[in-house]
Amino acid sequence: MGNPVAFTKTPQGHLSQRARRILRSGIGLAAVVTFVTASAAQPTVTTYASGLSNPRGLHFGPDGQLYVAEGGVGGSETTIGQCTQVDSRSVGPYSGSISGSWISRIDSDGNKVVVTDPFPSSQTNAGSGGLTSGAADLAFIDGTMYVLTAGSGCSHGVANTFNGIARVNANGTWQMIADLSTYQMNHTTKVINPPDFEPDGTWWSMVAVRGALYAVEPNHGEMVRVTTAGAISRVIDISATQGHVVPTSIAYHGNFYVSNLGTFDPDQLNTQSIFKITPSGEMRVVSTGLSKVLGLVADGLTLYVLETSYSTTSPGPAPFTGRIIRIAPNGSQKVIADGFMFPTGLTMGPDGALYVSNFGFGFPPGAGEIRRIALTVE
């Protein structure tokens, strides 16, 4: 199917009540803190790109350009009667298509071009808002792109597919190197949470560290290591000690840092955390009192946390309440930007700015955008 793709370096709406359930399917600082202070000086926030479909994970490639995993457009195919479906009391049954998702490259002028063949894309039932998943995240190893998928699998309405990690070739074609659907079915975690259990998983984020890929799955609650040869091993079953906390985003700086979404239940209001996880799987909480975290960046010992929704009164998604929290090395938390609409991904660019996938779920195809946050010097 061709050679692995090499990226050459260059100089330079509202959701229904049931829609809230989709996200349930699912650090070396000085101290654990539970307070957030307001930002004295808001950074400049601009629109970097628009016209995306359910944008999720995003990263700058070795060529200096931004690559975005677009969850895509879903589909109408179903697999009812062919395999175990996601419970209708949650967000099932899914429907999907074999070719509704992709990876896009965005240049510094905001121009977008699709750089891969399509990936499967699926959506939850209409009563839950029809939330769409497909390509979830991406990472680079030695100039080669690897893609983590979340919208594949029979339980997501796409027959003869599975969630996993794909290696992208120079001509945009790809091949799966790791079958994470089968792995999870054969290696169950300690805590399974019906009725929102998803047999194929809902993989969310991935990083490349020392030539291997590390991915986090929210619904089953685990973190795995995958080699470029496709060997899968579990780093930690997060559910075993934390229960169904819905781990989401992963970042790395000497150790791994993993955020959690929590569930949209009254007792989950602003109780989400950042966990420090060593490569050997030891874990501890290093920051808490956060809200519905879906993105995480480690810039040295400073962490940037993307909350998809913040409210002091309601645990459910609140429109235009997404915000970014800076966690300093001493553990203090500070809001540095807010007003985002259901954001789903966060990365830092080579220019030192933050980039956010905005309008990331629950919106029609083409409504998504990337926002750039020029950080202020303090």
Protein backbone atom coordinates (compact mmCIF):
# COMPACT_ATOMS: atom_id res chain seq x y z
CA MET A 1 0.00 0.00 0.00
CA GLY A 2 2.97 2.31 -0.42
CA ASN A 3 5.61 3.68 1.90
CA PRO A 4 4.84 5.34 5.22
CA VAL A 5 4.08 9.03 4.80
CA ALA A 6 7.05 11.28 5.56
CA PHE A 7 6.47 14.90 6.53
CA THR A 8 9.47 17.00 5.59
CA LYS A 9 10.56 19.75 7.97
CA THR A 10 10.24 23.29 6.65
CA PRO A 11 11.50 26.62 8.06
CA GLN A 12 8.69 27.69 9.07
CA GLY A 13 -26.20 24.80 19.25
CA HIS A 14 -27.68 23.04 22.04
CA LEU A 15 -27.58 19.36 22.98
CA SER A 16 -30.51 17.31 24.20
CA GLN A 17 -30.49 15.81 27.68
CA ARG A 18 -29.59 12.42 26.21
CA ALA A 19 -26.82 13.93 24.11
CA ARG A 20 -24.96 14.52 27.34
CA ARG A 21 -24.52 10.80 27.74
CA ILE A 22 -22.26 10.36 24.73
CA LEU A 23 -19.23 11.73 26.50
CA ARG A 24 -19.78 9.32 29.38
CA SER A 25 -19.09 6.44 26.93
CA GLY A 26 -16.46 6.90 28.11
CA ILE A 27 1.35 15.09 36.84
CA GLY A 28 4.63 16.10 38.80
CA LEU A 29 3.29 19.25 40.45
CA ALA A 30 3.81 20.48 43.96
CA ALA A 31 0.35 19.79 45.35
CA VAL A 32 -3.22 18.85 44.56
CA VAL A 33 -5.29 22.02 44.28
CA THR A 34 -9.02 22.65 44.00
CA PHE A 35 -9.23 26.40 43.32
CA VAL A 36 -9.17 28.43 40.12
CA THR A 37 -8.45 32.13 39.91
CA ALA A 38 -9.69 34.44 37.18
CA SER A 39 -7.28 35.63 34.52
CA ALA A 40 -6.19 39.26 34.82
CA ALA A 41 -5.24 39.59 31.14
CA GLN A 42 -7.05 37.55 28.51
CA PRO A 43 -4.85 36.41 25.61
CA THR A 44 -5.73 37.13 22.00
CA VAL A 45 -8.03 34.43 20.57
CA THR A 46 -8.53 34.22 16.80
CA THR A 47 -10.05 31.76 14.34
CA TYR A 48 -7.24 29.82 12.66
CA ALA A 49 -9.40 27.60 10.42
CA SER A 50 -13.06 26.81 9.83
CA GLY A 51 -15.24 24.41 7.85
CA LEU A 52 -14.25 21.29 9.78
CA SER A 53 -16.50 18.37 10.67
CA ASN A 54 -16.37 17.32 14.33
CA PRO A 55 -12.67 18.18 14.86
CA ARG A 56 -10.95 16.24 17.62
CA GLY A 57 -7.24 15.67 18.28
CA LEU A 58 -4.79 18.03 16.58
CA HIS A 59 -1.01 18.22 16.40
CA PHE A 60 1.68 20.05 14.47
CA GLY A 61 3.67 17.79 12.17
CA PRO A 62 7.42 17.84 11.54
CA ASP A 63 6.67 20.06 8.52
CA GLY A 64 5.39 22.79 10.86
CA GLN A 65 1.78 22.52 9.69
CA LEU A 66 -1.27 21.65 11.76
CA TYR A 67 -2.94 18.26 11.34
CA VAL A 68 -6.49 17.70 12.60
CA ALA A 69 -8.45 14.49 13.12
CA GLU A 70 -11.97 15.15 11.86
CA GLY A 71 -14.60 12.84 13.32
CA GLY A 72 -16.46 13.42 10.10
CA VAL A 73 -20.05 13.00 9.00
CA GLY A 74 -21.25 9.65 10.35
CA GLY A 75 -23.54 7.57 8.12
CA SER A 76 -26.78 5.62 7.82
CA GLU A 77 -25.55 2.02 7.78
CA THR A 78 -26.44 -0.15 10.77
CA THR A 79 -25.39 -3.53 12.15
CA ILE A 80 -28.50 -4.29 14.19
CA GLY A 81 -28.82 -8.06 14.50
CA GLN A 82 -25.18 -8.65 13.54
CA CYS A 83 -23.48 -7.99 16.89
CA THR A 84 -23.96 -6.56 20.36
CA GLN A 85 -25.18 -2.98 20.11
CA VAL A 86 -24.60 -0.04 22.44
CA ASP A 87 -27.60 0.14 24.79
CA SER A 88 -30.52 2.29 23.60
CA ARG A 89 -30.85 3.66 27.15
CA SER A 90 -27.53 5.35 26.49
CA VAL A 91 -26.64 6.42 22.93
CA GLY A 92 -27.20 3.28 20.85
CA PRO A 93 -27.78 1.90 18.43
CA TYR A 94 -25.14 3.61 16.30
CA SER A 95 -25.19 4.10 12.56
CA GLY A 96 -22.16 4.82 10.42
CA SER A 97 -20.23 4.60 7.18
CA ILE A 98 -16.97 3.11 6.00
CA SER A 99 -15.68 6.43 4.67
CA GLY A 100 -16.95 9.41 6.65
CA SER A 101 -13.83 10.61 8.52
CA TRP A 102 -10.31 11.82 7.65
CA ILE A 103 -7.18 13.73 8.65
CA SER A 104 -6.75 17.29 7.35
CA ARG A 105 -3.68 19.50 7.09
CA ILE A 106 -4.06 23.24 7.71
CA ASP A 107 -1.45 25.76 6.63
CA SER A 108 -0.64 29.08 8.32
CA ASP A 109 -3.26 30.85 6.18
CA GLY A 110 -6.00 28.52 7.38
CA ASN A 111 -6.24 26.59 4.10
CA LYS A 112 -7.33 22.99 4.59
CA VAL A 113 -6.52 19.91 2.54
CA VAL A 114 -7.50 16.30 3.31
CA VAL A 115 -4.31 14.19 3.42
CA THR A 116 -5.61 10.66 4.04
CA ASP A 117 -8.00 8.20 2.56
CA PRO A 118 -11.25 8.16 4.58
CA PHE A 119 -11.69 6.34 7.87
CA PRO A 120 -14.96 4.90 9.20
CA SER A 121 -17.27 7.35 10.94
CA SER A 122 -20.26 6.67 13.16
CA GLN A 123 -22.93 8.53 15.06
CA THR A 124 -25.10 7.91 18.08
CA ASN A 125 -28.86 7.55 17.81
CA ALA A 126 -30.94 10.59 16.87
CA GLY A 127 -32.42 10.89 20.36
CA SER A 128 -28.94 11.49 21.81
CA GLY A 129 -28.08 14.22 19.33
CA GLY A 130 -26.39 12.11 16.64
CA LEU A 131 -22.91 12.82 17.98
CA THR A 132 -20.22 11.76 15.53
CA SER A 133 -16.86 9.99 15.95
CA GLY A 134 -14.23 8.78 13.51
CA ALA A 135 -10.53 9.58 13.48
CA ALA A 136 -9.88 10.60 17.07
CA ASP A 137 -6.24 11.65 17.27
CA LEU A 138 -2.88 11.40 15.54
CA ALA A 139 0.83 11.32 16.33
CA PHE A 140 4.13 11.20 14.46
CA ILE A 141 7.07 8.83 14.82
CA ASP A 142 10.13 9.46 12.62
CA GLY A 143 8.04 11.52 10.20
CA THR A 144 5.32 8.89 9.87
CA MET A 145 1.74 9.65 10.87
CA TYR A 146 -0.27 7.25 13.02
CA VAL A 147 -4.02 7.67 13.51
CA LEU A 148 -6.17 6.53 16.43
CA THR A 149 -9.76 5.65 15.49
CA ALA A 150 -12.92 5.79 17.61
CA GLY A 151 -15.82 5.48 15.14
CA SER A 152 -15.14 1.97 13.83
CA GLY A 153 -16.46 -1.42 14.82
CA CYS A 154 -19.62 -3.46 14.53
CA SER A 155 -21.07 -1.95 17.73
CA HIS A 156 -20.72 1.44 16.04
CA GLY A 157 -22.70 0.43 13.00
CA VAL A 158 -19.73 -0.20 10.67
CA ALA A 159 -19.43 -3.90 9.84
CA ASN A 160 -16.07 -5.58 9.24
CA THR A 161 -14.07 -2.79 10.87
CA PHE A 162 -12.42 -2.26 14.24
CA ASN A 163 -11.08 0.59 16.31
CA GLY A 164 -7.32 0.77 16.44
CA ILE A 165 -4.21 2.53 15.22
CA ALA A 166 -3.42 3.03 11.53
CA ARG A 167 -0.14 3.88 9.83
CA VAL A 168 -0.53 6.42 7.02
CA ASN A 169 1.40 5.94 3.78
CA ALA A 170 2.99 8.58 1.54
CA ASN A 171 0.04 8.59 -0.86
CA GLY A 172 -2.54 9.02 1.93
CA THR A 173 -3.60 5.39 2.05
CA TRP A 174 -3.35 3.65 5.39
CA GLN A 175 -3.24 0.26 7.04
CA MET A 176 -4.27 -0.76 10.52
CA ILE A 177 -1.39 -1.95 12.67
CA ALA A 178 -3.25 -2.58 15.94
CA ASP A 179 -6.76 -3.94 16.59
CA LEU A 180 -7.84 -2.22 19.80
CA SER A 181 -11.45 -3.43 19.53
CA THR A 182 -10.44 -7.07 19.82
CA TYR A 183 -7.86 -6.24 22.46
CA GLN A 184 -10.48 -4.66 24.71
CA MET A 185 -12.94 -7.48 24.18
CA ASN A 186 -10.27 -9.97 25.28
CA HIS A 187 -8.78 -7.84 28.08
CA THR A 188 -11.62 -6.39 30.11
CA THR A 189 -11.02 -3.69 32.68
CA LYS A 190 -12.16 -4.02 36.28
CA VAL A 191 -15.07 -1.57 36.06
CA ILE A 192 -17.68 -1.86 33.32
CA ASN A 193 -20.48 0.71 33.47
CA PRO A 194 -23.77 -0.37 31.86
CA PRO A 195 -25.86 0.86 30.16
CA ASP A 196 -23.31 3.08 28.41
CA PHE A 197 -20.79 0.28 27.78
CA GLU A 198 -19.31 0.30 24.27
CA PRO A 199 -17.80 -3.03 23.10
CA ASP A 200 -15.47 -1.38 20.55
CA GLY A 201 -14.41 1.39 22.91
CA THR A 202 -14.36 5.14 22.35
CA TRP A 203 -10.64 5.89 22.08
CA TRP A 204 -9.90 9.57 22.63
CA SER A 205 -6.23 10.59 22.57
CA MET A 206 -2.71 9.41 21.81
CA VAL A 207 0.92 10.51 22.17
CA ALA A 208 4.19 9.17 20.76
CA VAL A 209 6.99 8.58 23.28
CA ARG A 210 10.33 6.93 22.57
CA GLY A 211 9.17 5.23 19.41
CA ALA A 212 5.90 3.83 20.80
CA LEU A 213 2.30 5.06 20.91
CA TYR A 214 0.31 5.53 24.10
CA ALA A 215 -3.49 5.79 23.87
CA VAL A 216 -6.29 6.42 26.36
CA GLU A 217 -9.80 4.95 26.18
CA PRO A 218 -12.59 6.60 28.24
CA ASN A 219 -15.42 4.06 28.25
CA HIS A 220 -13.45 1.08 29.56
CA GLY A 221 -11.03 3.33 31.46
CA GLU A 222 -7.51 2.38 30.48
CA MET A 223 -4.20 3.42 28.93
CA VAL A 224 -2.27 1.17 26.55
CA ARG A 225 1.10 1.09 24.82
CA VAL A 226 1.27 0.12 21.12
CA THR A 227 4.49 -0.51 19.22
CA THR A 228 4.88 0.40 15.55
CA ALA A 229 4.73 -3.35 14.89
CA GLY A 230 1.25 -3.42 16.43
CA ALA A 231 1.97 -5.11 19.79
CA ILE A 232 -0.52 -3.92 22.43
CA SER A 233 0.06 -3.93 26.18
CA ARG A 234 -1.82 -2.30 29.02
CA VAL A 235 0.02 0.40 30.95
CA ILE A 236 -2.72 0.83 33.55
CA ASP A 237 -6.36 -0.03 34.21
CA ILE A 238 -7.45 3.35 35.54
CA SER A 239 -10.90 2.01 36.40
CA ALA A 240 -9.38 -0.44 38.90
CA THR A 241 -8.61 2.36 41.38
CA GLN A 242 -10.72 5.27 40.17
CA GLY A 243 -13.93 3.62 38.95
CA HIS A 244 -15.79 4.97 35.91
CA VAL A 245 -14.09 8.39 35.78
CA VAL A 246 -13.87 8.46 31.95
CA PRO A 247 -10.16 9.19 31.29
CA THR A 248 -9.71 11.29 28.16
CA SER A 249 -6.63 13.26 27.15
CA ILE A 250 -2.97 12.31 27.53
CA ALA A 251 0.21 14.42 27.58
CA TYR A 252 3.83 13.61 28.33
CA HIS A 253 6.73 15.33 30.06
CA GLY A 254 9.00 12.80 31.78
CA ASN A 255 5.83 11.05 32.95
CA PHE A 256 2.35 10.76 31.49
CA TYR A 257 -0.45 13.08 32.51
CA VAL A 258 -4.04 11.96 31.94
CA SER A 259 -7.22 13.97 32.41
CA ASN A 260 -10.75 12.75 33.00
CA LEU A 261 -14.19 13.83 31.84
CA GLY A 262 -16.30 12.29 34.57
CA THR A 263 -20.00 11.67 34.00
CA PHE A 264 -22.76 14.22 33.61
CA ASP A 265 -24.30 13.44 36.98
CA PRO A 266 -25.02 15.88 39.83
CA ASP A 267 -22.32 14.42 42.08
CA GLN A 268 -19.72 14.92 39.31
CA LEU A 269 -19.87 18.72 39.24
CA ASN A 270 -16.31 20.09 38.95
CA THR A 271 -14.63 17.06 40.50
CA GLN A 272 -12.42 16.05 37.57
CA SER A 273 -8.67 15.57 37.94
CA ILE A 274 -5.25 15.30 36.34
CA PHE A 275 -3.40 12.07 37.07
CA LYS A 276 0.35 11.57 36.87
CA ILE A 277 1.14 8.09 35.52
CA THR A 278 4.66 6.72 35.40
CA PRO A 279 5.75 4.52 32.45
CA SER A 280 5.48 1.53 34.81
CA GLY A 281 1.83 2.32 35.56
CA GLU A 282 2.00 3.97 38.99
CA MET A 283 -0.62 6.70 39.32
CA ARG A 284 -1.52 9.58 41.62
CA VAL A 285 -3.76 12.65 41.47
CA VAL A 286 -1.83 15.92 41.09
CA SER A 287 -4.63 18.42 40.42
CA THR A 288 -8.38 18.32 40.91
CA GLY A 289 -11.48 20.51 41.07
CA LEU A 290 -11.60 20.68 37.26
CA SER A 291 -14.58 20.45 34.93
CA LYS A 292 -15.14 17.94 32.10
CA VAL A 293 -11.59 17.84 30.72
CA LEU A 294 -11.09 16.83 27.06
CA GLY A 295 -7.68 18.32 26.26
CA LEU A 296 -4.28 18.50 27.92
CA VAL A 297 -0.86 19.98 27.06
CA ALA A 298 2.34 19.64 29.09
CA ASP A 299 4.69 22.56 28.45
CA GLY A 300 7.54 21.60 30.72
CA LEU A 301 6.09 21.48 34.23
CA THR A 302 3.24 23.82 33.27
CA LEU A 303 -0.01 22.14 32.23
CA TYR A 304 -2.76 23.57 30.05
CA VAL A 305 -6.17 21.96 30.59
CA LEU A 306 -9.13 22.21 28.22
CA GLU A 307 -12.51 22.02 29.93
CA THR A 308 -15.27 21.38 27.41
CA SER A 309 -17.91 22.79 29.77
CA TYR A 310 -17.87 24.66 33.06
CA SER A 311 -20.75 25.49 35.39
CA THR A 312 -21.18 26.03 39.10
CA THR A 313 -24.78 24.81 39.03
CA SER A 314 -25.20 22.11 36.35
CA PRO A 315 -23.06 19.04 35.52
CA GLY A 316 -24.36 18.93 31.95
CA PRO A 317 -22.81 20.57 28.87
CA ALA A 318 -23.31 24.34 29.01
CA PRO A 319 -22.97 26.23 25.70
CA PHE A 320 -19.99 28.58 25.32
CA THR A 321 -18.49 27.68 28.70
CA GLY A 322 -15.45 25.79 27.46
CA ARG A 323 -12.24 27.22 28.87
CA ILE A 324 -8.50 26.71 29.26
CA ILE A 325 -6.87 26.46 32.69
CA ARG A 326 -3.15 26.95 33.26
CA ILE A 327 -1.76 24.83 36.10
CA ALA A 328 1.56 26.25 37.27
CA PRO A 329 4.42 24.11 38.61
CA ASN A 330 3.39 25.11 42.15
CA GLY A 331 -0.09 23.67 41.53
CA SER A 332 -2.05 26.93 41.26
CA GLN A 333 -4.80 27.09 38.63
CA LYS A 334 -5.73 30.07 36.48
CA VAL A 335 -8.30 30.61 33.72
CA ILE A 336 -6.48 32.01 30.68
CA ALA A 337 -9.21 31.81 27.99
CA ASP A 338 -12.91 30.98 27.95
CA GLY A 339 -16.09 31.13 25.89
CA PHE A 340 -15.37 28.07 23.73
CA MET A 341 -18.27 26.01 22.37
CA PHE A 342 -17.89 22.30 23.23
CA PRO A 343 -14.16 22.14 22.43
CA THR A 344 -12.58 18.71 22.03
CA GLY A 345 -8.82 18.99 21.47
CA LEU A 346 -5.83 21.09 22.52
CA THR A 347 -2.24 21.37 21.32
CA MET A 348 0.64 23.83 21.48
CA GLY A 349 2.20 25.07 18.26
CA PRO A 350 5.85 25.74 17.44
CA ASP A 351 4.96 29.42 17.84
CA GLY A 352 4.13 28.89 21.52
CA ALA A 353 0.40 29.49 20.98
CA LEU A 354 -2.36 27.07 21.93
CA TYR A 355 -4.74 25.66 19.32
CA VAL A 356 -8.22 24.37 20.17
CA SER A 357 -10.70 22.22 18.24
CA ASN A 358 -13.92 24.21 18.74
CA PHE A 359 -17.53 23.23 17.94
CA GLY A 360 -16.16 19.73 18.30
CA PHE A 361 -19.30 17.67 18.90
CA GLY A 362 -23.04 17.89 18.40
CA PHE A 363 -22.96 20.15 15.33
CA PRO A 364 -23.57 19.64 11.59
CA PRO A 365 -20.65 18.81 9.28
CA GLY A 366 -18.57 21.87 8.46
CA ALA A 367 -19.42 23.76 11.66
CA GLY A 368 -16.13 22.97 13.40
CA GLU A 369 -13.22 25.36 13.69
CA ILE A 370 -9.73 25.74 15.12
CA ARG A 371 -9.10 28.63 17.50
CA ARG A 372 -5.61 30.03 18.18
CA ILE A 373 -4.77 31.42 21.62
CA ALA A 374 -1.71 33.69 21.73
CA LEU A 375 -0.46 33.32 25.28
CA THR A 376 0.42 36.42 27.28
CA VAL A 377 3.76 36.80 29.02
CA GLU A 378 3.42 36.96 32.79
